[in-house]
């Protein structure tokens, strides 16, 4: 798996945070706040794959372009960045040796927390 940092998604996430479009939830809330597969499908149908990609900090260019499997490390619910998602994906990125994603996620969390 050759997951790489999706720089467009990172820029999108930063802009959302700067605009105050953030949910300041708790560390373990992501399992309840994450969009369902049906939510994802509706979003893709309405907005397309390019917009869907903007909500994922990881992208595997070896996977087909119009598949969910191409995208990983979601950080929000298609309207706002969720602090719990950022915490979760930073941990997963670190555990799976995606150092660039982990590093940028940590910076994103600092931006969210106002550090």
PDB file of N, CA and C in Angstrom:
ATOM      1  N   UNK A   1       0.846  -1.177   0.000  1.00  0.00           N
ATOM      2  CA  UNK A   1       0.000   0.000   0.000  1.00  0.00           C
ATOM      3  C   UNK A   1       0.889   1.236   0.000  1.00  0.00           C
ATOM      4  N   UNK A   2       0.638   2.125  -0.923  1.00  0.00           N
ATOM      5  CA  UNK A   2       1.472   3.319  -1.036  1.00  0.00           C
ATOM      6  C   UNK A   2       0.660   4.579  -0.741  1.00  0.00           C
ATOM      7  N   UNK A   3       0.109   4.631   0.456  1.00  0.00           N
ATOM      8  CA  UNK A   3      -0.695   5.792   0.847  1.00  0.00           C
ATOM      9  C   UNK A   3       0.214   6.996   0.996  1.00  0.00           C
ATOM     10  N   UNK A   4      -0.231   8.097   0.409  1.00  0.00           N
ATOM     11  CA  UNK A   4       0.541   9.341   0.497  1.00  0.00           C
ATOM     12  C   UNK A   4      -0.358  10.443   1.049  1.00  0.00           C
ATOM     13  N   UNK A   5       0.274  11.501   1.494  1.00  0.00           N
ATOM     14  CA  UNK A   5      -0.448  12.657   2.002  1.00  0.00           C
ATOM     15  C   UNK A   5      -1.208  13.330   0.862  1.00  0.00           C
ATOM     16  N   UNK A   6      -2.492  13.565   1.072  1.00  0.00           N
ATOM     17  CA  UNK A   6      -3.322  14.274   0.122  1.00  0.00           C
ATOM     18  C   UNK A   6      -3.212  15.765   0.477  1.00  0.00           C
ATOM     19  N   UNK A   7      -2.344  16.469  -0.219  1.00  0.00           N
ATOM     20  CA  UNK A   7      -2.056  17.865   0.121  1.00  0.00           C
ATOM     21  C   UNK A   7      -3.255  18.781  -0.098  1.00  0.00           C
ATOM     22  N   UNK A   8      -4.072  18.499  -1.094  1.00  0.00           N
ATOM     23  CA  UNK A   8      -5.275  19.307  -1.315  1.00  0.00           C
ATOM     24  C   UNK A   8      -6.239  19.153  -0.136  1.00  0.00           C
ATOM     25  N   UNK A   9      -6.356  17.944   0.380  1.00  0.00           N
ATOM     26  CA  UNK A   9      -7.232  17.693   1.528  1.00  0.00           C
ATOM     27  C   UNK A   9      -6.696  18.397   2.771  1.00  0.00           C
ATOM     28  N   UNK A  10      -5.377  18.380   2.939  1.00  0.00           N
ATOM     29  CA  UNK A  10      -4.773  19.060   4.083  1.00  0.00           C
ATOM     30  C   UNK A  10      -5.062  20.556   4.017  1.00  0.00           C
ATOM     31  N   UNK A  11      -4.913  21.144   2.859  1.00  0.00           N
ATOM     32  CA  UNK A  11      -5.200  22.570   2.685  1.00  0.00           C
ATOM     33  C   UNK A  11      -6.679  22.853   2.956  1.00  0.00           C
ATOM     34  N   UNK A  12      -7.553  21.985   2.481  1.00  0.00           N
ATOM     35  CA  UNK A  12      -8.985  22.122   2.727  1.00  0.00           C
ATOM     36  C   UNK A  12      -9.276  22.073   4.225  1.00  0.00           C
ATOM     37  N   UNK A  13      -8.670  21.138   4.929  1.00  0.00           N
ATOM     38  CA  UNK A  13      -8.876  21.011   6.370  1.00  0.00           C
ATOM     39  C   UNK A  13      -8.396  22.262   7.099  1.00  0.00           C
ATOM     40  N   UNK A  14      -7.243  22.765   6.730  1.00  0.00           N
ATOM     41  CA  UNK A  14      -6.721  23.989   7.364  1.00  0.00           C
ATOM     42  C   UNK A  14      -7.662  25.166   7.153  1.00  0.00           C
ATOM     43  N   UNK A  15      -8.172  25.318   5.946  1.00  0.00           N
ATOM     44  CA  UNK A  15      -9.104  26.414   5.661  1.00  0.00           C
ATOM     45  C   UNK A  15     -10.366  26.293   6.505  1.00  0.00           C
ATOM     46  N   UNK A  16     -10.882  25.073   6.630  1.00  0.00           N
ATOM     47  CA  UNK A  16     -12.073  24.865   7.444  1.00  0.00           C
ATOM     48  C   UNK A  16     -11.812  25.248   8.898  1.00  0.00           C
ATOM     49  N   UNK A  17     -10.660  24.859   9.421  1.00  0.00           N
ATOM     50  CA  UNK A  17     -10.316  25.193  10.805  1.00  0.00           C
ATOM     51  C   UNK A  17     -10.205  26.712  10.961  1.00  0.00           C
ATOM     52  N   UNK A  18      -9.537  27.348  10.026  1.00  0.00           N
ATOM     53  CA  UNK A  18      -9.383  28.804  10.081  1.00  0.00           C
ATOM     54  C   UNK A  18     -10.734  29.512  10.010  1.00  0.00           C
ATOM     55  N   UNK A  19     -11.705  28.899   9.332  1.00  0.00           N
ATOM     56  CA  UNK A  19     -13.052  29.464   9.224  1.00  0.00           C
ATOM     57  C   UNK A  19     -13.928  29.107  10.433  1.00  0.00           C
ATOM     58  N   UNK A  20     -13.360  28.349  11.365  1.00  0.00           N
ATOM     59  CA  UNK A  20     -14.109  27.965  12.557  1.00  0.00           C
ATOM     60  C   UNK A  20     -15.052  26.795  12.343  1.00  0.00           C
ATOM     61  N   UNK A  21     -14.891  26.090  11.249  1.00  0.00           N
ATOM     62  CA  UNK A  21     -15.759  24.949  10.953  1.00  0.00           C
ATOM     63  C   UNK A  21     -15.162  23.680  11.564  1.00  0.00           C
ATOM     64  N   UNK A  22     -15.220  23.635  12.897  1.00  0.00           N
ATOM     65  CA  UNK A  22     -14.608  22.560  13.669  1.00  0.00           C
ATOM     66  C   UNK A  22     -15.566  22.112  14.766  1.00  0.00           C
ATOM     67  N   UNK A  23     -15.627  20.828  15.003  1.00  0.00           N
ATOM     68  CA  UNK A  23     -16.346  20.277  16.140  1.00  0.00           C
ATOM     69  C   UNK A  23     -15.282  19.912  17.174  1.00  0.00           C
ATOM     70  N   UNK A  24     -15.340  20.549  18.325  1.00  0.00           N
ATOM     71  CA  UNK A  24     -14.358  20.313  19.391  1.00  0.00           C
ATOM     72  C   UNK A  24     -14.856  19.182  20.287  1.00  0.00           C
ATOM     73  N   UNK A  25     -14.857  17.988  19.728  1.00  0.00           N
ATOM     74  CA  UNK A  25     -15.357  16.829  20.435  1.00  0.00           C
ATOM     75  C   UNK A  25     -14.220  16.099  21.144  1.00  0.00           C
ATOM     76  N   UNK A  26     -14.572  15.013  21.787  1.00  0.00           N
ATOM     77  CA  UNK A  26     -13.610  14.272  22.595  1.00  0.00           C
ATOM     78  C   UNK A  26     -12.938  13.162  21.799  1.00  0.00           C
ATOM     79  N   UNK A  27     -11.838  12.720  22.292  1.00  0.00           N
ATOM     80  CA  UNK A  27     -10.961  11.760  21.632  1.00  0.00           C
ATOM     81  C   UNK A  27     -11.693  10.544  21.051  1.00  0.00           C
ATOM     82  N   UNK A  28     -12.598   9.949  21.792  1.00  0.00           N
ATOM     83  CA  UNK A  28     -13.207   8.686  21.372  1.00  0.00           C
ATOM     84  C   UNK A  28     -14.557   8.843  20.672  1.00  0.00           C
ATOM     85  N   UNK A  29     -14.919  10.050  20.279  1.00  0.00           N
ATOM     86  CA  UNK A  29     -16.230  10.300  19.680  1.00  0.00           C
ATOM     87  C   UNK A  29     -16.313   9.963  18.195  1.00  0.00           C
ATOM     88  N   UNK A  30     -15.213   9.729  17.532  1.00  0.00           N
ATOM     89  CA  UNK A  30     -15.234   9.572  16.082  1.00  0.00           C
ATOM     90  C   UNK A  30     -16.075   8.392  15.619  1.00  0.00           C
ATOM     91  N   UNK A  31     -16.089   7.310  16.372  1.00  0.00           N
ATOM     92  CA  UNK A  31     -16.882   6.151  15.948  1.00  0.00           C
ATOM     93  C   UNK A  31     -18.373   6.513  15.859  1.00  0.00           C
ATOM     94  N   UNK A  32     -18.819   7.460  16.668  1.00  0.00           N
ATOM     95  CA  UNK A  32     -20.212   7.907  16.619  1.00  0.00           C
ATOM     96  C   UNK A  32     -20.420   9.033  15.601  1.00  0.00           C
ATOM     97  N   UNK A  33     -19.397   9.831  15.350  1.00  0.00           N
ATOM     98  CA  UNK A  33     -19.529  11.009  14.498  1.00  0.00           C
ATOM     99  C   UNK A  33     -19.159  10.764  13.038  1.00  0.00           C
ATOM    100  N   UNK A  34     -18.468   9.692  12.771  1.00  0.00           N
ATOM    101  CA  UNK A  34     -18.014   9.410  11.399  1.00  0.00           C
ATOM    102  C   UNK A  34     -19.207   9.176  10.475  1.00  0.00           C
ATOM    103  N   UNK A  35     -19.121   9.679   9.260  1.00  0.00           N
ATOM    104  CA  UNK A  35     -20.200   9.417   8.296  1.00  0.00           C
ATOM    105  C   UNK A  35     -20.342   7.912   8.025  1.00  0.00           C
ATOM    106  N   UNK A  36     -21.570   7.481   7.851  1.00  0.00           N
ATOM    107  CA  UNK A  36     -21.824   6.082   7.514  1.00  0.00           C
ATOM    108  C   UNK A  36     -21.499   5.855   6.038  1.00  0.00           C
ATOM    109  N   UNK A  37     -21.477   4.607   5.634  1.00  0.00           N
ATOM    110  CA  UNK A  37     -21.251   4.290   4.221  1.00  0.00           C
ATOM    111  C   UNK A  37     -22.342   4.921   3.354  1.00  0.00           C
ATOM    112  N   UNK A  38     -23.575   4.930   3.840  1.00  0.00           N
ATOM    113  CA  UNK A  38     -24.666   5.569   3.097  1.00  0.00           C
ATOM    114  C   UNK A  38     -24.452   7.074   2.984  1.00  0.00           C
ATOM    115  N   UNK A  39     -23.984   7.700   4.074  1.00  0.00           N
ATOM    116  CA  UNK A  39     -23.677   9.138   4.032  1.00  0.00           C
ATOM    117  C   UNK A  39     -22.592   9.419   2.983  1.00  0.00           C
ATOM    118  N   UNK A  40     -21.574   8.569   2.978  1.00  0.00           N
ATOM    119  CA  UNK A  40     -20.496   8.738   2.000  1.00  0.00           C
ATOM    120  C   UNK A  40     -21.024   8.598   0.575  1.00  0.00           C
ATOM    121  N   UNK A  41     -21.848   7.587   0.351  1.00  0.00           N
ATOM    122  CA  UNK A  41     -22.392   7.368  -0.994  1.00  0.00           C
ATOM    123  C   UNK A  41     -23.243   8.548  -1.458  1.00  0.00           C
ATOM    124  N   UNK A  42     -24.075   9.075  -0.564  1.00  0.00           N
ATOM    125  CA  UNK A  42     -24.889  10.245  -0.917  1.00  0.00           C
ATOM    126  C   UNK A  42     -24.001  11.446  -1.222  1.00  0.00           C
ATOM    127  N   UNK A  43     -22.942  11.617  -0.441  1.00  0.00           N
ATOM    128  CA  UNK A  43     -22.033  12.748  -0.659  1.00  0.00           C
ATOM    129  C   UNK A  43     -21.354  12.627  -2.023  1.00  0.00           C
ATOM    130  N   UNK A  44     -20.871  11.448  -2.334  1.00  0.00           N
ATOM    131  CA  UNK A  44     -20.206  11.220  -3.622  1.00  0.00           C
ATOM    132  C   UNK A  44     -21.187  11.462  -4.768  1.00  0.00           C
ATOM    133  N   UNK A  45     -22.390  10.955  -4.627  1.00  0.00           N
ATOM    134  CA  UNK A  45     -23.395  11.126  -5.682  1.00  0.00           C
ATOM    135  C   UNK A  45     -23.710  12.603  -5.920  1.00  0.00           C
ATOM    136  N   UNK A  46     -23.784  13.358  -4.849  1.00  0.00           N
ATOM    137  CA  UNK A  46     -24.135  14.778  -4.952  1.00  0.00           C
ATOM    138  C   UNK A  46     -22.941  15.658  -5.350  1.00  0.00           C
ATOM    139  N   UNK A  47     -21.749  15.342  -4.827  1.00  0.00           N
ATOM    140  CA  UNK A  47     -20.600  16.238  -4.965  1.00  0.00           C
ATOM    141  C   UNK A  47     -19.454  15.708  -5.816  1.00  0.00           C
ATOM    142  N   UNK A  48     -19.426  14.411  -6.066  1.00  0.00           N
ATOM    143  CA  UNK A  48     -18.374  13.822  -6.879  1.00  0.00           C
ATOM    144  C   UNK A  48     -17.157  13.374  -6.088  1.00  0.00           C
ATOM    145  N   UNK A  49     -16.298  12.652  -6.785  1.00  0.00           N
ATOM    146  CA  UNK A  49     -15.118  12.048  -6.173  1.00  0.00           C
ATOM    147  C   UNK A  49     -14.069  13.066  -5.760  1.00  0.00           C
ATOM    148  N   UNK A  50     -13.923  14.144  -6.515  1.00  0.00           N
ATOM    149  CA  UNK A  50     -12.915  15.146  -6.167  1.00  0.00           C
ATOM    150  C   UNK A  50     -13.220  15.785  -4.818  1.00  0.00           C
ATOM    151  N   UNK A  51     -14.497  16.107  -4.578  1.00  0.00           N
ATOM    152  CA  UNK A  51     -14.873  16.675  -3.289  1.00  0.00           C
ATOM    153  C   UNK A  51     -14.751  15.639  -2.178  1.00  0.00           C
ATOM    154  N   UNK A  52     -15.112  14.407  -2.475  1.00  0.00           N
ATOM    155  CA  UNK A  52     -14.964  13.337  -1.479  1.00  0.00           C
ATOM    156  C   UNK A  52     -13.494  13.210  -1.063  1.00  0.00           C
ATOM    157  N   UNK A  53     -12.605  13.290  -2.016  1.00  0.00           N
ATOM    158  CA  UNK A  53     -11.169  13.174  -1.741  1.00  0.00           C
ATOM    159  C   UNK A  53     -10.687  14.256  -0.788  1.00  0.00           C
ATOM    160  N   UNK A  54     -11.302  15.440  -0.844  1.00  0.00           N
ATOM    161  CA  UNK A  54     -10.882  16.555   0.007  1.00  0.00           C
ATOM    162  C   UNK A  54     -11.103  16.297   1.492  1.00  0.00           C
ATOM    163  N   UNK A  55     -11.861  15.281   1.815  1.00  0.00           N
ATOM    164  CA  UNK A  55     -12.153  14.959   3.213  1.00  0.00           C
ATOM    165  C   UNK A  55     -11.293  13.815   3.746  1.00  0.00           C
ATOM    166  N   UNK A  56     -10.230  13.465   3.007  1.00  0.00           N
ATOM    167  CA  UNK A  56      -9.339  12.363   3.401  1.00  0.00           C
ATOM    168  C   UNK A  56      -7.885  12.787   3.243  1.00  0.00           C
ATOM    169  N   UNK A  57      -7.113  12.657   4.318  1.00  0.00           N
ATOM    170  CA  UNK A  57      -5.707  13.067   4.267  1.00  0.00           C
ATOM    171  C   UNK A  57      -4.800  12.027   3.630  1.00  0.00           C
ATOM    172  N   UNK A  58      -5.312  10.837   3.399  1.00  0.00           N
ATOM    173  CA  UNK A  58      -4.535   9.797   2.747  1.00  0.00           C
ATOM    174  C   UNK A  58      -5.118   9.425   1.402  1.00  0.00           C
ATOM    175  N   UNK A  59      -4.225   9.155   0.447  1.00  0.00           N
ATOM    176  CA  UNK A  59      -4.662   8.722  -0.879  1.00  0.00           C
ATOM    177  C   UNK A  59      -3.675   7.679  -1.392  1.00  0.00           C
ATOM    178  N   UNK A  60      -4.217   6.609  -1.936  1.00  0.00           N
ATOM    179  CA  UNK A  60      -3.388   5.553  -2.516  1.00  0.00           C
ATOM    180  C   UNK A  60      -3.518   5.624  -4.033  1.00  0.00           C
ATOM    181  N   UNK A  61      -2.515   6.187  -4.720  1.00  0.00           N
ATOM    182  CA  UNK A  61      -2.600   6.359  -6.171  1.00  0.00           C
ATOM    183  C   UNK A  61      -2.615   5.045  -6.947  1.00  0.00           C
ATOM    184  N   UNK A  62      -2.311   3.944  -6.278  1.00  0.00           N
ATOM    185  CA  UNK A  62      -2.337   2.641  -6.945  1.00  0.00           C
ATOM    186  C   UNK A  62      -3.752   2.076  -7.040  1.00  0.00           C
ATOM    187  N   UNK A  63      -4.684   2.652  -6.306  1.00  0.00           N
ATOM    188  CA  UNK A  63      -6.075   2.195  -6.329  1.00  0.00           C
ATOM    189  C   UNK A  63      -6.847   2.975  -7.388  1.00  0.00           C
ATOM    190  N   UNK A  64      -7.917   2.396  -7.882  1.00  0.00           N
ATOM    191  CA  UNK A  64      -8.755   3.040  -8.889  1.00  0.00           C
ATOM    192  C   UNK A  64      -9.238   4.398  -8.394  1.00  0.00           C
ATOM    193  N   UNK A  65      -9.313   5.342  -9.320  1.00  0.00           N
ATOM    194  CA  UNK A  65      -9.641   6.713  -8.951  1.00  0.00           C
ATOM    195  C   UNK A  65     -11.019   6.871  -8.337  1.00  0.00           C
ATOM    196  N   UNK A  66     -11.995   6.185  -8.824  1.00  0.00           N
ATOM    197  CA  UNK A  66     -13.347   6.376  -8.325  1.00  0.00           C
ATOM    198  C   UNK A  66     -13.790   5.209  -7.447  1.00  0.00           C
ATOM    199  N   UNK A  67     -12.999   4.980  -6.389  1.00  0.00           N
ATOM    200  CA  UNK A  67     -13.342   3.979  -5.385  1.00  0.00           C
ATOM    201  C   UNK A  67     -13.019   4.543  -4.008  1.00  0.00           C
ATOM    202  N   UNK A  68     -13.813   4.157  -3.041  1.00  0.00           N
ATOM    203  CA  UNK A  68     -13.558   4.611  -1.672  1.00  0.00           C
ATOM    204  C   UNK A  68     -12.219   4.086  -1.156  1.00  0.00           C
ATOM    205  N   UNK A  69     -11.811   2.924  -1.633  1.00  0.00           N
ATOM    206  CA  UNK A  69     -10.560   2.325  -1.190  1.00  0.00           C
ATOM    207  C   UNK A  69      -9.332   3.152  -1.509  1.00  0.00           C
ATOM    208  N   UNK A  70      -9.465   4.082  -2.414  1.00  0.00           N
ATOM    209  CA  UNK A  70      -8.344   4.954  -2.761  1.00  0.00           C
ATOM    210  C   UNK A  70      -8.041   5.957  -1.640  1.00  0.00           C
ATOM    211  N   UNK A  71      -9.053   6.279  -0.830  1.00  0.00           N
ATOM    212  CA  UNK A  71      -8.939   7.354   0.144  1.00  0.00           C
ATOM    213  C   UNK A  71      -8.971   6.822   1.569  1.00  0.00           C
ATOM    214  N   UNK A  72      -8.155   7.422   2.431  1.00  0.00           N
ATOM    215  CA  UNK A  72      -8.079   6.998   3.822  1.00  0.00           C
ATOM    216  C   UNK A  72      -7.826   8.212   4.715  1.00  0.00           C
ATOM    217  N   UNK A  73      -7.907   7.989   5.977  1.00  0.00           N
ATOM    218  CA  UNK A  73      -7.684   9.016   6.991  1.00  0.00           C
ATOM    219  C   UNK A  73      -8.674  10.179   6.878  1.00  0.00           C
ATOM    220  N   UNK A  74      -9.980   9.887   7.037  1.00  0.00           N
ATOM    221  CA  UNK A  74     -10.986  10.953   7.015  1.00  0.00           C
ATOM    222  C   UNK A  74     -10.870  11.834   8.261  1.00  0.00           C
ATOM    223  N   UNK A  75     -11.159  13.102   8.099  1.00  0.00           N
ATOM    224  CA  UNK A  75     -11.021  14.043   9.211  1.00  0.00           C
ATOM    225  C   UNK A  75     -12.302  14.808   9.538  1.00  0.00           C
ATOM    226  N   UNK A  76     -13.392  14.510   8.852  1.00  0.00           N
ATOM    227  CA  UNK A  76     -14.614  15.262   9.133  1.00  0.00           C
ATOM    228  C   UNK A  76     -15.854  14.593   8.587  1.00  0.00           C
ATOM    229  N   UNK A  77     -16.969  15.327   8.716  1.00  0.00           N
ATOM    230  CA  UNK A  77     -18.278  14.788   8.371  1.00  0.00           C
ATOM    231  C   UNK A  77     -18.868  15.411   7.101  1.00  0.00           C
ATOM    232  N   UNK A  78     -18.025  15.982   6.256  1.00  0.00           N
ATOM    233  CA  UNK A  78     -18.396  16.631   4.999  1.00  0.00           C
ATOM    234  C   UNK A  78     -18.948  18.037   5.199  1.00  0.00           C
ATOM    235  N   UNK A  79     -18.948  18.515   6.439  1.00  0.00           N
ATOM    236  CA  UNK A  79     -19.296  19.911   6.699  1.00  0.00           C
ATOM    237  C   UNK A  79     -18.287  20.562   7.633  1.00  0.00           C
ATOM    238  N   UNK A  80     -17.773  19.783   8.589  1.00  0.00           N
ATOM    239  CA  UNK A  80     -16.840  20.316   9.575  1.00  0.00           C
ATOM    240  C   UNK A  80     -15.725  19.313   9.863  1.00  0.00           C
ATOM    241  N   UNK A  81     -14.605  19.856  10.323  1.00  0.00           N
ATOM    242  CA  UNK A  81     -13.498  19.043  10.815  1.00  0.00           C
ATOM    243  C   UNK A  81     -13.870  18.585  12.221  1.00  0.00           C
ATOM    244  N   UNK A  82     -13.629  17.332  12.516  1.00  0.00           N
ATOM    245  CA  UNK A  82     -13.874  16.809  13.860  1.00  0.00           C
ATOM    246  C   UNK A  82     -12.543  16.569  14.547  1.00  0.00           C
ATOM    247  N   UNK A  83     -12.381  17.184  15.705  1.00  0.00           N
ATOM    248  CA  UNK A  83     -11.156  17.023  16.481  1.00  0.00           C
ATOM    249  C   UNK A  83     -10.900  15.542  16.775  1.00  0.00           C
ATOM    250  N   UNK A  84     -11.955  14.800  17.101  1.00  0.00           N
ATOM    251  CA  UNK A  84     -11.800  13.380  17.420  1.00  0.00           C
ATOM    252  C   UNK A  84     -11.270  12.598  16.219  1.00  0.00           C
ATOM    253  N   UNK A  85     -11.671  12.976  15.007  1.00  0.00           N
ATOM    254  CA  UNK A  85     -11.181  12.296  13.804  1.00  0.00           C
ATOM    255  C   UNK A  85      -9.705  12.572  13.598  1.00  0.00           C
ATOM    256  N   UNK A  86      -9.308  13.804  13.840  1.00  0.00           N
ATOM    257  CA  UNK A  86      -7.908  14.187  13.662  1.00  0.00           C
ATOM    258  C   UNK A  86      -7.024  13.428  14.651  1.00  0.00           C
ATOM    259  N   UNK A  87      -7.482  13.319  15.891  1.00  0.00           N
ATOM    260  CA  UNK A  87      -6.735  12.558  16.898  1.00  0.00           C
ATOM    261  C   UNK A  87      -6.628  11.094  16.475  1.00  0.00           C
ATOM    262  N   UNK A  88      -7.738  10.534  16.045  1.00  0.00           N
ATOM    263  CA  UNK A  88      -7.769   9.133  15.632  1.00  0.00           C
ATOM    264  C   UNK A  88      -6.841   8.872  14.450  1.00  0.00           C
ATOM    265  N   UNK A  89      -6.907   9.720  13.454  1.00  0.00           N
ATOM    266  CA  UNK A  89      -6.093   9.449  12.270  1.00  0.00           C
ATOM    267  C   UNK A  89      -4.618   9.709  12.524  1.00  0.00           C
ATOM    268  N   UNK A  90      -4.295  10.626  13.423  1.00  0.00           N
ATOM    269  CA  UNK A  90      -2.882  10.831  13.746  1.00  0.00           C
ATOM    270  C   UNK A  90      -2.299   9.572  14.385  1.00  0.00           C
ATOM    271  N   UNK A  91      -3.064   8.969  15.267  1.00  0.00           N
ATOM    272  CA  UNK A  91      -2.631   7.738  15.915  1.00  0.00           C
ATOM    273  C   UNK A  91      -2.467   6.609  14.894  1.00  0.00           C
ATOM    274  N   UNK A  92      -3.469   6.435  14.025  1.00  0.00           N
ATOM    275  CA  UNK A  92      -3.403   5.383  13.001  1.00  0.00           C
ATOM    276  C   UNK A  92      -2.259   5.614  12.024  1.00  0.00           C
ATOM    277  N   UNK A  93      -2.049   6.859  11.639  1.00  0.00           N
ATOM    278  CA  UNK A  93      -0.963   7.161  10.701  1.00  0.00           C
ATOM    279  C   UNK A  93       0.383   6.829  11.331  1.00  0.00           C
ATOM    280  N   UNK A  94       0.553   7.172  12.604  1.00  0.00           N
ATOM    281  CA  UNK A  94       1.807   6.870  13.301  1.00  0.00           C
ATOM    282  C   UNK A  94       2.038   5.369  13.407  1.00  0.00           C
ATOM    283  N   UNK A  95       0.984   4.641  13.756  1.00  0.00           N
ATOM    284  CA  UNK A  95       1.093   3.194  13.916  1.00  0.00           C
ATOM    285  C   UNK A  95       1.436   2.488  12.617  1.00  0.00           C
ATOM    286  N   UNK A  96       1.025   3.075  11.502  1.00  0.00           N
ATOM    287  CA  UNK A  96       1.235   2.440  10.198  1.00  0.00           C
ATOM    288  C   UNK A  96       2.359   3.081   9.385  1.00  0.00           C
ATOM    289  N   UNK A  97       3.209   3.834  10.064  1.00  0.00           N
ATOM    290  CA  UNK A  97       4.411   4.427   9.451  1.00  0.00           C
ATOM    291  C   UNK A  97       4.105   5.369   8.285  1.00  0.00           C
ATOM    292  N   UNK A  98       3.012   6.099   8.398  1.00  0.00           N
ATOM    293  CA  UNK A  98       2.710   7.163   7.435  1.00  0.00           C
ATOM    294  C   UNK A  98       3.151   8.470   8.085  1.00  0.00           C
ATOM    295  N   UNK A  99       4.477   8.640   8.155  1.00  0.00           N
ATOM    296  CA  UNK A  99       5.053   9.722   8.940  1.00  0.00           C
ATOM    297  C   UNK A  99       4.629  11.109   8.469  1.00  0.00           C
ATOM    298  N   UNK A 100       4.521  11.312   7.162  1.00  0.00           N
ATOM    299  CA  UNK A 100       4.128  12.632   6.670  1.00  0.00           C
ATOM    300  C   UNK A 100       2.690  12.953   7.060  1.00  0.00           C
ATOM    301  N   UNK A 101       1.809  11.979   6.999  1.00  0.00           N
ATOM    302  CA  UNK A 101       0.419  12.186   7.394  1.00  0.00           C
ATOM    303  C   UNK A 101       0.348  12.429   8.901  1.00  0.00           C
ATOM    304  N   UNK A 102       1.064  11.647   9.675  1.00  0.00           N
ATOM    305  CA  UNK A 102       1.068  11.819  11.137  1.00  0.00           C
ATOM    306  C   UNK A 102       1.588  13.200  11.517  1.00  0.00           C
ATOM    307  N   UNK A 103       2.652  13.637  10.883  1.00  0.00           N
ATOM    308  CA  UNK A 103       3.249  14.948  11.186  1.00  0.00           C
ATOM    309  C   UNK A 103       2.272  16.082  10.873  1.00  0.00           C
ATOM    310  N   UNK A 104       1.663  16.022   9.701  1.00  0.00           N
ATOM    311  CA  UNK A 104       0.734  17.086   9.307  1.00  0.00           C
ATOM    312  C   UNK A 104      -0.546  17.047  10.127  1.00  0.00           C
ATOM    313  N   UNK A 105      -0.950  15.875  10.543  1.00  0.00           N
ATOM    314  CA  UNK A 105      -2.134  15.749  11.380  1.00  0.00           C
ATOM    315  C   UNK A 105      -1.872  16.357  12.747  1.00  0.00           C
ATOM    316  N   UNK A 106      -0.691  16.152  13.271  1.00  0.00           N
ATOM    317  CA  UNK A 106      -0.332  16.757  14.559  1.00  0.00           C
ATOM    318  C   UNK A 106      -0.378  18.278  14.445  1.00  0.00           C
ATOM    319  N   UNK A 107       0.118  18.824  13.351  1.00  0.00           N
ATOM    320  CA  UNK A 107       0.062  20.281  13.133  1.00  0.00           C
ATOM    321  C   UNK A 107      -1.380  20.757  13.012  1.00  0.00           C
ATOM    322  N   UNK A 108      -2.212  19.964  12.350  1.00  0.00           N
ATOM    323  CA  UNK A 108      -3.620  20.310  12.214  1.00  0.00           C
ATOM    324  C   UNK A 108      -4.301  20.328  13.585  1.00  0.00           C
ATOM    325  N   UNK A 109      -3.982  19.362  14.417  1.00  0.00           N
ATOM    326  CA  UNK A 109      -4.534  19.321  15.767  1.00  0.00           C
ATOM    327  C   UNK A 109      -4.094  20.543  16.573  1.00  0.00           C
ATOM    328  N   UNK A 110      -2.849  20.951  16.422  1.00  0.00           N
ATOM    329  CA  UNK A 110      -2.362  22.150  17.101  1.00  0.00           C
ATOM    330  C   UNK A 110      -3.132  23.382  16.624  1.00  0.00           C
ATOM    331  N   UNK A 111      -3.442  23.437  15.346  1.00  0.00           N
ATOM    332  CA  UNK A 111      -4.219  24.555  14.805  1.00  0.00           C
ATOM    333  C   UNK A 111      -5.640  24.532  15.413  1.00  0.00           C
ATOM    334  N   UNK A 112      -6.225  23.361  15.497  1.00  0.00           N
ATOM    335  CA  UNK A 112      -7.556  23.224  16.087  1.00  0.00           C
ATOM    336  C   UNK A 112      -7.557  23.670  17.539  1.00  0.00           C
ATOM    337  N   UNK A 113      -6.544  23.258  18.285  1.00  0.00           N
ATOM    338  CA  UNK A 113      -6.474  23.561  19.716  1.00  0.00           C
ATOM    339  C   UNK A 113      -5.933  24.962  19.985  1.00  0.00           C
ATOM    340  N   UNK A 114      -5.577  25.686  18.940  1.00  0.00           N
ATOM    341  CA  UNK A 114      -5.114  27.053  19.103  1.00  0.00           C
ATOM    342  C   UNK A 114      -3.727  27.191  19.680  1.00  0.00           C
ATOM    343  N   UNK A 115      -2.893  26.195  19.449  1.00  0.00           N
ATOM    344  CA  UNK A 115      -1.525  26.237  19.981  1.00  0.00           C
ATOM    345  C   UNK A 115      -0.595  26.931  19.025  1.00  0.00           C
TER     346      UNK A 115
END
